[in-house]
Each structure stands twice: as C-alpha cells, then as structure tokens.
Amino acid sequence: MTSFVITRLSNEVLFEIFKCLNSYYKTLFSCLLVNRKWCRIIVPILWRAPCFKYRRVIRMCFLELNADEQALLVLFKINLPENNPMPLFEHVSFIISVNN
C-alpha cells in the first residue's frame, strides 16, 4: 500500500519532500537510485549547491564539454580519461552556489 501511494505523488510534491532533505546528501544519493522519476527530481537538488569536493564538480564540468572543447584543455595539460560517457544530466546547469 505504501509504495502505491508514493508512486502516485506528483513530481512537485516529491520535489518539495526531497528539498527538505537537501542537507542529507547520503539519503538523497540513496533515494536517487530508487527509480528514474526520483533521480530526475533529486539530481537538481543535489547539484543546486554541491557540498562535495570541488574536484568532482570541476571533473563533471569537463565531462560536459564537447570533444573540441575538451581538446583545448590539452594546452593546459589537462587530460581526461578516454571513453568517458557523457553525463545523463547537465549537472552544471543546476549549480547555484558551491559550498565546501
């Protein structure tokens, strides 16, 4: 019965619920693995103000670059591993601020 009620909640209601958990990163990471709907709702919340290491944020930014843009990084001796899949989301577009 509980899962039936949860699946019927609208995206807006789920967004408000998950937004209340925005400081519980581990919980949100676990929740985004539940299904695609939850993942699409939670990723923007997690990336609104990423609290994890800057290195991860910068790496994600680099992965979102196209091949020509990534090639320009070689001039700065920044080499990305080959065959990296494109991220499923444009994570950078969700960032409002970066906390440490």
N, C-alpha and C. Protein backbone atom coordinates (compact mmCIF):
# COMPACT_ATOMS: atom_id res chain seq x y z
N MET A 1 0.82 -1.19 0.00
CA MET A 1 0.00 0.00 0.00
C MET A 1 0.86 1.25 0.00
N THR A 2 1.95 1.27 0.78
CA THR A 2 2.80 2.45 0.85
C THR A 2 3.43 2.77 -0.49
N SER A 3 3.96 1.77 -1.18
CA SER A 3 4.59 2.03 -2.48
C SER A 3 3.58 2.56 -3.48
N PHE A 4 2.33 2.12 -3.39
CA PHE A 4 1.30 2.61 -4.28
C PHE A 4 1.08 4.10 -4.09
N VAL A 5 1.03 4.54 -2.84
CA VAL A 5 0.82 5.96 -2.55
C VAL A 5 2.01 6.78 -3.03
N ILE A 6 3.22 6.30 -2.79
CA ILE A 6 4.42 7.04 -3.19
C ILE A 6 4.50 7.19 -4.70
N THR A 7 4.14 6.18 -5.45
CA THR A 7 4.23 6.27 -6.90
C THR A 7 3.20 7.22 -7.48
N ARG A 8 2.15 7.49 -6.75
CA ARG A 8 1.11 8.37 -7.25
C ARG A 8 1.36 9.83 -6.91
N LEU A 9 2.35 10.13 -6.10
CA LEU A 9 2.64 11.52 -5.76
C LEU A 9 3.15 12.26 -6.99
N SER A 10 2.75 13.49 -7.13
CA SER A 10 3.19 14.29 -8.28
C SER A 10 4.67 14.66 -8.14
N ASN A 11 5.26 15.05 -9.23
CA ASN A 11 6.67 15.48 -9.22
C ASN A 11 6.86 16.67 -8.29
N GLU A 12 5.90 17.57 -8.29
CA GLU A 12 6.01 18.77 -7.46
C GLU A 12 6.02 18.42 -5.97
N VAL A 13 5.18 17.48 -5.58
CA VAL A 13 5.13 17.05 -4.18
C VAL A 13 6.44 16.35 -3.81
N LEU A 14 6.90 15.45 -4.66
CA LEU A 14 8.17 14.77 -4.40
C LEU A 14 9.32 15.76 -4.31
N PHE A 15 9.33 16.76 -5.19
CA PHE A 15 10.38 17.77 -5.17
C PHE A 15 10.40 18.49 -3.81
N GLU A 16 9.24 18.86 -3.32
CA GLU A 16 9.16 19.55 -2.03
C GLU A 16 9.64 18.65 -0.89
N ILE A 17 9.28 17.38 -0.95
CA ILE A 17 9.73 16.42 0.08
C ILE A 17 11.24 16.29 0.05
N PHE A 18 11.80 16.06 -1.15
CA PHE A 18 13.25 15.87 -1.26
C PHE A 18 14.01 17.16 -0.96
N LYS A 19 13.43 18.27 -1.27
CA LYS A 19 14.08 19.56 -0.99
C LYS A 19 14.30 19.72 0.52
N CYS A 20 13.39 19.17 1.32
CA CYS A 20 13.54 19.23 2.78
C CYS A 20 14.73 18.39 3.25
N LEU A 21 15.17 17.48 2.42
CA LEU A 21 16.31 16.62 2.76
C LEU A 21 17.62 17.13 2.16
N ASN A 22 17.66 18.36 1.68
CA ASN A 22 18.82 18.83 0.93
C ASN A 22 20.13 18.82 1.70
N SER A 23 20.11 18.77 3.01
CA SER A 23 21.37 18.68 3.76
C SER A 23 21.74 17.24 4.12
N TYR A 24 20.89 16.29 3.74
CA TYR A 24 21.16 14.87 3.97
C TYR A 24 21.59 14.21 2.67
N TYR A 25 22.82 14.48 2.28
CA TYR A 25 23.32 14.04 0.97
C TYR A 25 23.29 12.53 0.79
N LYS A 26 23.69 11.80 1.80
CA LYS A 26 23.71 10.34 1.67
C LYS A 26 22.31 9.79 1.45
N THR A 27 21.36 10.35 2.15
CA THR A 27 19.97 9.92 1.98
C THR A 27 19.49 10.22 0.57
N LEU A 28 19.78 11.43 0.09
CA LEU A 28 19.36 11.79 -1.27
C LEU A 28 20.04 10.92 -2.32
N PHE A 29 21.32 10.63 -2.13
CA PHE A 29 22.02 9.75 -3.07
C PHE A 29 21.37 8.38 -3.11
N SER A 30 20.97 7.89 -1.95
CA SER A 30 20.28 6.59 -1.90
C SER A 30 18.92 6.68 -2.61
N CYS A 31 18.22 7.75 -2.37
CA CYS A 31 16.88 7.92 -2.96
C CYS A 31 16.95 8.05 -4.48
N LEU A 32 17.98 8.65 -5.02
CA LEU A 32 18.02 8.83 -6.47
C LEU A 32 18.23 7.51 -7.21
N LEU A 33 18.60 6.48 -6.47
CA LEU A 33 18.76 5.16 -7.08
C LEU A 33 17.45 4.36 -7.12
N VAL A 34 16.40 4.89 -6.53
CA VAL A 34 15.13 4.17 -6.45
C VAL A 34 14.53 3.96 -7.84
N ASN A 35 14.41 5.02 -8.60
CA ASN A 35 13.87 4.92 -9.96
C ASN A 35 14.21 6.19 -10.74
N ARG A 36 13.91 6.20 -12.02
CA ARG A 36 14.27 7.34 -12.87
C ARG A 36 13.53 8.61 -12.47
N LYS A 37 12.29 8.46 -12.09
CA LYS A 37 11.49 9.63 -11.70
C LYS A 37 12.15 10.34 -10.52
N TRP A 38 12.50 9.57 -9.50
CA TRP A 38 13.14 10.17 -8.34
C TRP A 38 14.50 10.75 -8.70
N CYS A 39 15.22 10.06 -9.54
CA CYS A 39 16.54 10.54 -9.96
C CYS A 39 16.43 11.90 -10.64
N ARG A 40 15.48 12.04 -11.55
CA ARG A 40 15.29 13.32 -12.26
C ARG A 40 14.90 14.45 -11.32
N ILE A 41 14.26 14.12 -10.23
CA ILE A 41 13.85 15.14 -9.25
C ILE A 41 15.00 15.48 -8.31
N ILE A 42 15.78 14.48 -7.91
CA ILE A 42 16.81 14.67 -6.89
C ILE A 42 18.10 15.29 -7.44
N VAL A 43 18.50 14.95 -8.65
CA VAL A 43 19.77 15.46 -9.18
C VAL A 43 19.84 16.99 -9.15
N PRO A 44 18.82 17.71 -9.58
CA PRO A 44 18.89 19.17 -9.48
C PRO A 44 19.02 19.67 -8.04
N ILE A 45 18.42 18.96 -7.09
CA ILE A 45 18.53 19.36 -5.69
C ILE A 45 19.97 19.16 -5.20
N LEU A 46 20.56 18.02 -5.53
CA LEU A 46 21.94 17.75 -5.10
C LEU A 46 22.93 18.72 -5.73
N TRP A 47 22.68 19.10 -6.98
CA TRP A 47 23.64 19.95 -7.68
C TRP A 47 23.34 21.43 -7.52
N ARG A 48 22.31 21.78 -6.80
CA ARG A 48 21.99 23.19 -6.57
C ARG A 48 23.13 23.88 -5.84
N ALA A 49 23.65 23.25 -4.81
CA ALA A 49 24.78 23.78 -4.05
C ALA A 49 25.65 22.59 -3.65
N PRO A 50 26.45 22.09 -4.59
CA PRO A 50 27.23 20.88 -4.30
C PRO A 50 28.16 21.08 -3.11
N CYS A 51 28.11 20.14 -2.20
CA CYS A 51 28.90 20.23 -0.98
C CYS A 51 30.11 19.31 -1.04
N PHE A 52 30.19 18.49 -2.08
CA PHE A 52 31.30 17.56 -2.15
C PHE A 52 32.53 18.24 -2.73
N LYS A 53 33.57 17.50 -2.87
CA LYS A 53 34.86 18.03 -3.28
C LYS A 53 34.79 18.82 -4.60
N TYR A 54 35.46 19.96 -4.63
CA TYR A 54 35.49 20.78 -5.84
C TYR A 54 35.99 19.98 -7.04
N ARG A 55 36.88 19.06 -6.76
CA ARG A 55 37.47 18.26 -7.83
C ARG A 55 36.39 17.52 -8.63
N ARG A 56 35.39 16.98 -7.92
CA ARG A 56 34.30 16.29 -8.59
C ARG A 56 33.47 17.24 -9.44
N VAL A 57 33.23 18.42 -8.91
CA VAL A 57 32.43 19.42 -9.65
C VAL A 57 33.17 19.83 -10.92
N ILE A 58 34.46 20.09 -10.79
CA ILE A 58 35.26 20.50 -11.95
C ILE A 58 35.33 19.37 -12.97
N ARG A 59 35.51 18.14 -12.51
CA ARG A 59 35.57 17.00 -13.42
C ARG A 59 34.26 16.86 -14.18
N MET A 60 33.14 17.03 -13.50
CA MET A 60 31.85 16.93 -14.15
C MET A 60 31.69 18.05 -15.19
N CYS A 61 32.19 19.22 -14.87
CA CYS A 61 32.15 20.32 -15.84
C CYS A 61 32.93 19.95 -17.10
N PHE A 62 34.11 19.38 -16.91
CA PHE A 62 34.93 18.99 -18.06
C PHE A 62 34.25 17.90 -18.89
N LEU A 63 33.59 16.97 -18.23
CA LEU A 63 32.93 15.88 -18.96
C LEU A 63 31.76 16.38 -19.80
N GLU A 64 31.18 17.50 -19.42
CA GLU A 64 30.06 18.04 -20.17
C GLU A 64 30.50 18.84 -21.40
N LEU A 65 31.81 19.04 -21.54
CA LEU A 65 32.32 19.74 -22.72
C LEU A 65 32.27 18.82 -23.93
N ASN A 66 32.10 19.41 -25.11
CA ASN A 66 32.15 18.57 -26.31
C ASN A 66 33.61 18.25 -26.65
N ALA A 67 33.83 17.43 -27.64
CA ALA A 67 35.18 16.94 -27.98
C ALA A 67 36.14 18.09 -28.32
N ASP A 68 35.67 19.09 -29.07
CA ASP A 68 36.53 20.23 -29.43
C ASP A 68 36.93 21.03 -28.19
N GLU A 69 35.98 21.23 -27.30
CA GLU A 69 36.28 21.97 -26.08
C GLU A 69 37.24 21.20 -25.18
N GLN A 70 37.04 19.88 -25.11
CA GLN A 70 37.95 19.06 -24.31
C GLN A 70 39.36 19.06 -24.90
N ALA A 71 39.47 19.14 -26.22
CA ALA A 71 40.78 19.17 -26.87
C ALA A 71 41.55 20.43 -26.47
N LEU A 72 40.84 21.53 -26.23
CA LEU A 72 41.50 22.76 -25.81
C LEU A 72 42.14 22.64 -24.43
N LEU A 73 41.66 21.70 -23.64
CA LEU A 73 42.22 21.51 -22.30
C LEU A 73 43.64 20.97 -22.35
N VAL A 74 44.00 20.31 -23.43
CA VAL A 74 45.34 19.74 -23.57
C VAL A 74 46.39 20.84 -23.49
N LEU A 75 46.08 22.04 -23.99
CA LEU A 75 47.01 23.17 -23.91
C LEU A 75 47.38 23.49 -22.46
N PHE A 76 46.47 23.19 -21.54
CA PHE A 76 46.70 23.46 -20.13
C PHE A 76 47.12 22.20 -19.37
N LYS A 77 47.51 21.17 -20.13
CA LYS A 77 47.95 19.90 -19.58
C LYS A 77 46.88 19.23 -18.72
N ILE A 78 45.64 19.39 -19.15
CA ILE A 78 44.51 18.72 -18.51
C ILE A 78 44.06 17.63 -19.45
N ASN A 79 44.29 16.39 -19.06
CA ASN A 79 43.90 15.26 -19.89
C ASN A 79 42.79 14.48 -19.19
N LEU A 80 41.71 14.29 -19.90
CA LEU A 80 40.61 13.50 -19.38
C LEU A 80 40.77 12.07 -19.87
N PRO A 81 40.37 11.11 -19.05
CA PRO A 81 40.45 9.72 -19.49
C PRO A 81 39.62 9.51 -20.75
N GLU A 82 40.08 8.61 -21.59
CA GLU A 82 39.35 8.31 -22.83
C GLU A 82 38.09 7.51 -22.52
N ASN A 83 37.15 7.57 -23.43
CA ASN A 83 35.91 6.79 -23.36
C ASN A 83 35.05 7.11 -22.15
N ASN A 84 35.08 8.35 -21.69
CA ASN A 84 34.18 8.75 -20.61
C ASN A 84 32.79 8.95 -21.20
N PRO A 85 31.79 8.33 -20.61
CA PRO A 85 30.43 8.55 -21.12
C PRO A 85 29.96 9.96 -20.77
N MET A 86 29.13 10.51 -21.63
CA MET A 86 28.55 11.81 -21.33
C MET A 86 27.62 11.65 -20.13
N PRO A 87 27.61 12.63 -19.23
CA PRO A 87 26.69 12.55 -18.09
C PRO A 87 25.24 12.53 -18.57
N LEU A 88 24.37 11.93 -17.77
CA LEU A 88 22.96 11.86 -18.11
C LEU A 88 22.25 13.20 -17.94
N PHE A 89 22.79 14.06 -17.10
CA PHE A 89 22.20 15.36 -16.82
C PHE A 89 23.22 16.45 -17.12
N GLU A 90 22.74 17.66 -17.35
CA GLU A 90 23.63 18.81 -17.44
C GLU A 90 23.78 19.36 -16.02
N HIS A 91 24.60 18.67 -15.24
CA HIS A 91 24.74 18.97 -13.81
C HIS A 91 25.09 20.43 -13.57
N VAL A 92 25.95 20.97 -14.39
CA VAL A 92 26.43 22.33 -14.20
C VAL A 92 25.29 23.32 -14.26
N SER A 93 24.27 23.04 -15.06
CA SER A 93 23.16 23.98 -15.17
C SER A 93 22.34 24.09 -13.89
N PHE A 94 22.49 23.13 -12.97
CA PHE A 94 21.74 23.15 -11.72
C PHE A 94 22.47 23.93 -10.62
N ILE A 95 23.75 24.18 -10.77
CA ILE A 95 24.55 24.78 -9.71
C ILE A 95 24.16 26.23 -9.52
N ILE A 96 23.83 26.56 -8.25
CA ILE A 96 23.54 27.94 -7.88
C ILE A 96 24.70 28.49 -7.07
N SER A 97 25.27 27.66 -6.18
CA SER A 97 26.44 28.04 -5.40
C SER A 97 27.22 26.78 -5.08
N VAL A 98 28.46 26.97 -4.62
CA VAL A 98 29.31 25.84 -4.27
C VAL A 98 29.76 26.03 -2.83
N ASN A 99 29.47 25.02 -2.01
CA ASN A 99 29.86 25.06 -0.59
C ASN A 99 31.03 24.12 -0.38
N ASN A 100 31.81 24.38 0.65
CA ASN A 100 32.90 23.44 0.97
C ASN A 100 32.70 22.85 2.31
